[in-house]
N, C-alpha and C. Protein backbone atom coordinates (compact mmCIF):
# COMPACT_ATOMS: atom_id res chain seq x y z
N UNK A 1 12.85 14.26 16.09
CA UNK A 1 13.15 15.06 17.17
C UNK A 1 13.88 14.40 18.31
N UNK A 2 14.61 15.13 19.00
CA UNK A 2 15.38 14.55 20.13
C UNK A 2 14.58 14.58 21.25
N UNK A 3 14.83 13.60 22.34
CA UNK A 3 14.02 13.46 23.41
C UNK A 3 14.15 14.78 24.30
N UNK A 4 15.43 15.36 24.30
CA UNK A 4 15.52 16.57 24.99
C UNK A 4 14.56 17.64 24.76
N UNK A 5 14.31 17.77 23.30
CA UNK A 5 13.28 18.75 22.99
C UNK A 5 11.97 18.46 23.34
N UNK A 6 11.57 17.23 23.41
CA UNK A 6 10.20 16.81 23.78
C UNK A 6 10.15 16.95 25.31
N UNK A 7 11.14 16.65 26.04
CA UNK A 7 11.17 16.86 27.55
C UNK A 7 11.01 18.22 28.01
N UNK A 8 11.52 19.09 27.06
CA UNK A 8 11.35 20.58 27.55
C UNK A 8 9.94 20.95 27.68
N UNK A 9 8.94 20.41 26.88
CA UNK A 9 7.69 20.85 26.99
C UNK A 9 6.84 20.11 28.05
N UNK A 10 7.30 19.06 28.70
CA UNK A 10 6.73 18.32 29.63
C UNK A 10 6.76 18.99 30.98
N UNK A 11 5.71 19.15 31.69
CA UNK A 11 5.83 19.79 33.09
C UNK A 11 6.61 18.88 33.98
N UNK A 12 7.49 19.42 34.83
CA UNK A 12 8.30 18.76 35.81
C UNK A 12 7.37 18.54 37.10
N UNK A 13 8.20 18.17 38.14
CA UNK A 13 7.55 17.88 39.49
C UNK A 13 6.88 19.28 40.00
N UNK A 14 7.80 20.31 39.89
CA UNK A 14 7.46 21.55 40.61
C UNK A 14 6.16 22.21 39.70
N UNK A 15 6.26 22.01 38.47
CA UNK A 15 5.00 22.45 37.60
C UNK A 15 3.78 21.69 37.93
N UNK A 16 3.74 20.37 38.24
CA UNK A 16 2.67 19.73 38.57
C UNK A 16 2.13 20.09 39.92
N UNK A 17 2.95 20.42 40.82
CA UNK A 17 2.53 20.85 42.19
C UNK A 17 1.86 22.22 41.90
N UNK A 18 2.32 23.09 41.18
CA UNK A 18 1.64 24.49 40.95
C UNK A 18 0.30 24.26 40.21
N UNK A 19 0.19 23.22 39.39
CA UNK A 19 -1.08 22.97 38.74
C UNK A 19 -2.09 22.46 39.59
N UNK A 20 -1.61 21.37 40.58
CA UNK A 20 -2.59 21.04 41.64
C UNK A 20 -2.94 21.96 42.61
N UNK A 21 -2.05 22.94 43.01
CA UNK A 21 -2.47 24.06 43.96
C UNK A 21 -3.53 24.94 43.20
N UNK A 22 -3.30 25.32 42.01
CA UNK A 22 -4.22 26.11 41.12
C UNK A 22 -5.51 25.36 41.16
N UNK A 23 -5.47 24.13 40.82
CA UNK A 23 -6.86 23.33 40.75
C UNK A 23 -7.56 23.24 42.00
N UNK A 24 -6.91 23.23 43.20
CA UNK A 24 -7.51 23.24 44.44
C UNK A 24 -7.99 24.59 44.81
N UNK A 25 -7.37 25.56 44.29
CA UNK A 25 -7.86 27.01 44.55
C UNK A 25 -9.24 27.34 43.78
N UNK A 26 -9.09 26.90 42.56
CA UNK A 26 -10.22 27.18 41.61
C UNK A 26 -11.47 26.18 42.02
N UNK A 27 -11.30 25.00 42.24
CA UNK A 27 -12.35 23.93 42.49
C UNK A 27 -12.76 23.82 43.86
N UNK A 28 -11.72 23.77 44.78
CA UNK A 28 -11.88 23.58 46.08
C UNK A 28 -12.51 22.40 46.53
N UNK A 29 -13.68 22.35 47.22
CA UNK A 29 -14.30 21.23 47.64
C UNK A 29 -15.07 20.45 46.53
N UNK A 30 -15.19 21.09 45.41
CA UNK A 30 -15.99 20.58 44.30
C UNK A 30 -14.90 19.62 43.37
N UNK A 31 -13.69 19.63 43.82
CA UNK A 31 -12.56 18.86 42.96
C UNK A 31 -12.94 17.40 42.90
N UNK A 32 -13.33 16.72 43.92
CA UNK A 32 -13.69 15.28 43.79
C UNK A 32 -14.94 15.06 42.85
N UNK A 33 -15.95 15.94 43.01
CA UNK A 33 -17.03 15.90 42.02
C UNK A 33 -16.59 16.05 40.53
N UNK A 34 -15.68 17.05 40.34
CA UNK A 34 -15.18 17.37 39.02
C UNK A 34 -14.51 16.06 38.49
N UNK A 35 -13.57 15.59 39.32
CA UNK A 35 -12.86 14.35 38.89
C UNK A 35 -13.79 13.18 38.57
N UNK A 36 -14.81 12.91 39.40
CA UNK A 36 -15.73 11.92 39.15
C UNK A 36 -16.51 12.19 37.87
N UNK A 37 -16.93 13.30 37.56
CA UNK A 37 -17.64 13.54 36.42
C UNK A 37 -16.79 13.44 35.16
N UNK A 38 -15.55 13.85 35.22
CA UNK A 38 -14.60 13.65 34.15
C UNK A 38 -14.43 12.12 33.86
N UNK A 39 -14.30 11.31 34.90
CA UNK A 39 -14.25 9.90 34.85
C UNK A 39 -15.51 9.22 34.26
N UNK A 40 -16.48 9.77 34.57
CA UNK A 40 -17.71 9.17 33.95
C UNK A 40 -17.85 9.59 32.53
N UNK A 41 -17.36 10.75 32.17
CA UNK A 41 -17.44 11.26 30.73
C UNK A 41 -16.46 10.28 30.05
N UNK A 42 -15.36 9.98 30.45
CA UNK A 42 -14.50 9.12 29.73
C UNK A 42 -15.06 7.82 29.56
N UNK A 43 -15.70 7.20 30.66
CA UNK A 43 -16.24 5.94 30.47
C UNK A 43 -17.41 5.87 29.45
N UNK A 44 -18.19 6.87 29.38
CA UNK A 44 -19.26 7.07 28.43
C UNK A 44 -18.75 7.14 27.00
N UNK A 45 -17.75 7.90 26.86
CA UNK A 45 -17.08 7.99 25.53
C UNK A 45 -16.51 6.70 25.16
N UNK A 46 -15.81 6.01 25.96
CA UNK A 46 -15.39 4.58 25.58
C UNK A 46 -16.53 3.70 25.24
N UNK A 47 -17.66 3.75 25.92
CA UNK A 47 -18.66 2.96 25.54
C UNK A 47 -19.37 3.36 24.14
N UNK A 48 -19.36 4.67 23.97
CA UNK A 48 -19.90 5.00 22.61
C UNK A 48 -19.07 4.55 21.55
N UNK A 49 -17.67 4.67 21.82
CA UNK A 49 -16.75 4.22 20.70
C UNK A 49 -16.88 2.62 20.53
N UNK A 50 -17.21 1.91 21.58
CA UNK A 50 -17.26 0.42 21.43
C UNK A 50 -18.70 0.06 20.78
N UNK A 51 -19.65 0.84 21.00
CA UNK A 51 -20.94 0.57 20.42
C UNK A 51 -20.93 0.93 18.82
N UNK A 52 -20.19 1.90 18.50
CA UNK A 52 -20.01 2.39 17.06
C UNK A 52 -19.21 1.18 16.29
N UNK A 53 -18.15 0.80 17.09
CA UNK A 53 -17.34 -0.40 16.41
C UNK A 53 -18.13 -1.47 16.24
N UNK A 54 -19.02 -1.95 17.11
CA UNK A 54 -19.86 -3.06 17.09
C UNK A 54 -20.92 -2.91 16.00
N UNK A 55 -21.46 -1.67 15.84
CA UNK A 55 -22.47 -1.47 14.77
C UNK A 55 -21.81 -1.53 13.46
N UNK A 56 -20.68 -1.16 13.34
CA UNK A 56 -19.93 -1.28 12.11
C UNK A 56 -19.62 -2.67 11.67
N UNK A 57 -19.25 -3.55 12.63
CA UNK A 57 -18.92 -4.99 12.45
C UNK A 57 -20.26 -5.61 12.12
N UNK A 58 -21.45 -5.22 12.77
CA UNK A 58 -22.69 -5.94 12.41
C UNK A 58 -23.11 -5.59 10.91
N UNK A 59 -22.97 -4.35 10.63
CA UNK A 59 -23.42 -3.93 9.28
C UNK A 59 -22.51 -4.61 8.32
N UNK A 60 -21.18 -4.70 8.40
CA UNK A 60 -20.36 -5.29 7.49
C UNK A 60 -20.70 -6.84 7.37
N UNK A 61 -21.10 -7.48 8.41
CA UNK A 61 -21.48 -8.80 8.42
C UNK A 61 -22.75 -9.03 7.64
N UNK A 62 -23.61 -8.13 7.67
CA UNK A 62 -24.97 -8.21 7.12
C UNK A 62 -24.92 -8.00 5.65
N UNK A 63 -24.10 -7.05 5.24
CA UNK A 63 -24.03 -6.74 3.75
C UNK A 63 -22.95 -7.79 3.24
N UNK A 64 -23.57 -8.66 2.50
CA UNK A 64 -22.79 -9.63 1.77
C UNK A 64 -22.06 -8.99 0.64
N UNK A 65 -20.82 -9.39 0.22
CA UNK A 65 -20.27 -8.80 -0.90
C UNK A 65 -20.87 -9.35 -2.16
N UNK A 66 -20.90 -8.47 -3.12
CA UNK A 66 -21.68 -8.99 -4.53
C UNK A 66 -20.93 -10.15 -5.07
N UNK A 67 -21.76 -11.15 -5.39
CA UNK A 67 -21.20 -12.23 -6.08
C UNK A 67 -20.67 -11.84 -7.60
N UNK A 68 -19.62 -12.43 -7.87
CA UNK A 68 -19.01 -12.17 -9.26
C UNK A 68 -20.07 -12.91 -10.24
N UNK A 69 -20.12 -12.01 -11.36
CA UNK A 69 -21.02 -12.68 -12.42
C UNK A 69 -20.16 -13.38 -13.48
N UNK A 70 -20.60 -14.51 -13.84
CA UNK A 70 -19.77 -15.28 -14.84
C UNK A 70 -20.41 -15.01 -16.19
N UNK A 71 -19.63 -14.72 -17.14
CA UNK A 71 -20.03 -14.44 -18.44
C UNK A 71 -20.19 -15.79 -19.20
N UNK A 72 -21.47 -15.92 -19.78
CA UNK A 72 -21.63 -17.06 -20.65
C UNK A 72 -21.70 -16.71 -22.07
N UNK A 73 -21.18 -17.59 -22.78
CA UNK A 73 -21.40 -17.31 -24.25
C UNK A 73 -22.32 -18.13 -24.95
N UNK A 74 -23.20 -17.46 -25.79
CA UNK A 74 -24.33 -18.29 -26.45
C UNK A 74 -23.78 -19.15 -27.55
N UNK A 75 -22.69 -18.95 -28.17
CA UNK A 75 -22.26 -19.68 -29.25
C UNK A 75 -20.81 -20.36 -28.84
N UNK A 76 -20.88 -21.68 -28.70
CA UNK A 76 -19.67 -22.37 -28.30
C UNK A 76 -18.62 -22.35 -29.25
N UNK A 77 -18.98 -22.21 -30.68
CA UNK A 77 -18.08 -22.22 -31.66
C UNK A 77 -17.43 -20.75 -32.12
N UNK A 78 -17.82 -19.80 -31.14
CA UNK A 78 -17.10 -18.58 -31.37
C UNK A 78 -15.67 -18.40 -31.11
N UNK A 79 -15.30 -19.25 -30.10
CA UNK A 79 -13.78 -19.28 -29.83
C UNK A 79 -13.13 -20.13 -30.91
N UNK A 80 -13.67 -21.05 -31.58
CA UNK A 80 -12.95 -21.84 -32.53
C UNK A 80 -12.91 -20.96 -33.77
N UNK A 81 -13.75 -20.15 -34.13
CA UNK A 81 -13.53 -19.45 -35.34
C UNK A 81 -12.67 -18.28 -35.01
N UNK A 82 -12.50 -17.80 -33.84
CA UNK A 82 -11.68 -16.68 -33.58
C UNK A 82 -10.14 -17.31 -33.53
N UNK A 83 -10.07 -18.53 -33.11
CA UNK A 83 -8.73 -18.97 -33.16
C UNK A 83 -8.32 -19.48 -34.53
N UNK A 84 -9.17 -19.67 -35.45
CA UNK A 84 -8.78 -20.23 -36.72
C UNK A 84 -8.42 -19.01 -37.67
N UNK A 85 -8.92 -17.85 -37.30
CA UNK A 85 -8.70 -16.74 -38.25
C UNK A 85 -7.12 -16.31 -38.04
N UNK A 86 -6.53 -16.19 -36.96
CA UNK A 86 -5.16 -15.85 -36.84
C UNK A 86 -4.23 -16.78 -37.69
N UNK A 87 -4.63 -18.03 -37.74
CA UNK A 87 -3.76 -19.02 -38.45
C UNK A 87 -3.94 -18.74 -39.95
N UNK A 88 -5.08 -18.27 -40.43
CA UNK A 88 -5.21 -17.90 -41.85
C UNK A 88 -4.37 -16.75 -42.10
N UNK A 89 -4.34 -15.74 -41.19
CA UNK A 89 -3.56 -14.30 -41.41
C UNK A 89 -2.13 -14.81 -41.51
N UNK A 90 -1.65 -15.63 -40.49
CA UNK A 90 -0.25 -15.93 -40.45
C UNK A 90 0.06 -16.74 -41.74
N UNK A 91 -0.75 -17.62 -42.28
CA UNK A 91 -0.43 -18.31 -43.56
C UNK A 91 -0.26 -17.28 -44.80
N UNK A 92 -1.20 -16.33 -44.80
CA UNK A 92 -1.17 -15.39 -45.84
C UNK A 92 -0.06 -14.28 -45.76
N UNK A 93 0.39 -14.02 -44.74
CA UNK A 93 1.56 -13.19 -44.56
C UNK A 93 2.82 -13.94 -44.77
N UNK A 94 2.92 -15.26 -44.62
CA UNK A 94 4.15 -15.85 -44.74
C UNK A 94 4.45 -16.37 -46.22
N UNK A 95 3.34 -16.26 -47.07
CA UNK A 95 3.33 -16.64 -48.51
C UNK A 95 3.49 -15.54 -49.49
């Protein structure tokens, strides 16, 4: 998108003045109280987000990743017999 298209939807100086006048007419003397409560709400929201992030970090540290299991073979000669068989097959196919 072009910046001119985005700027078309942003309120200009005159629009902000109208918004401020309407806010003063609607809220009047309570406007500082409303602004204060909105500010407190934003602070509480940020605290809640920080708490959730810290809880996730703590949980991820407590839960250790599963350790990889190593497979052990009971017969050490199993590899030797498997390796000798292809050589027998290659000898029989060449002859």
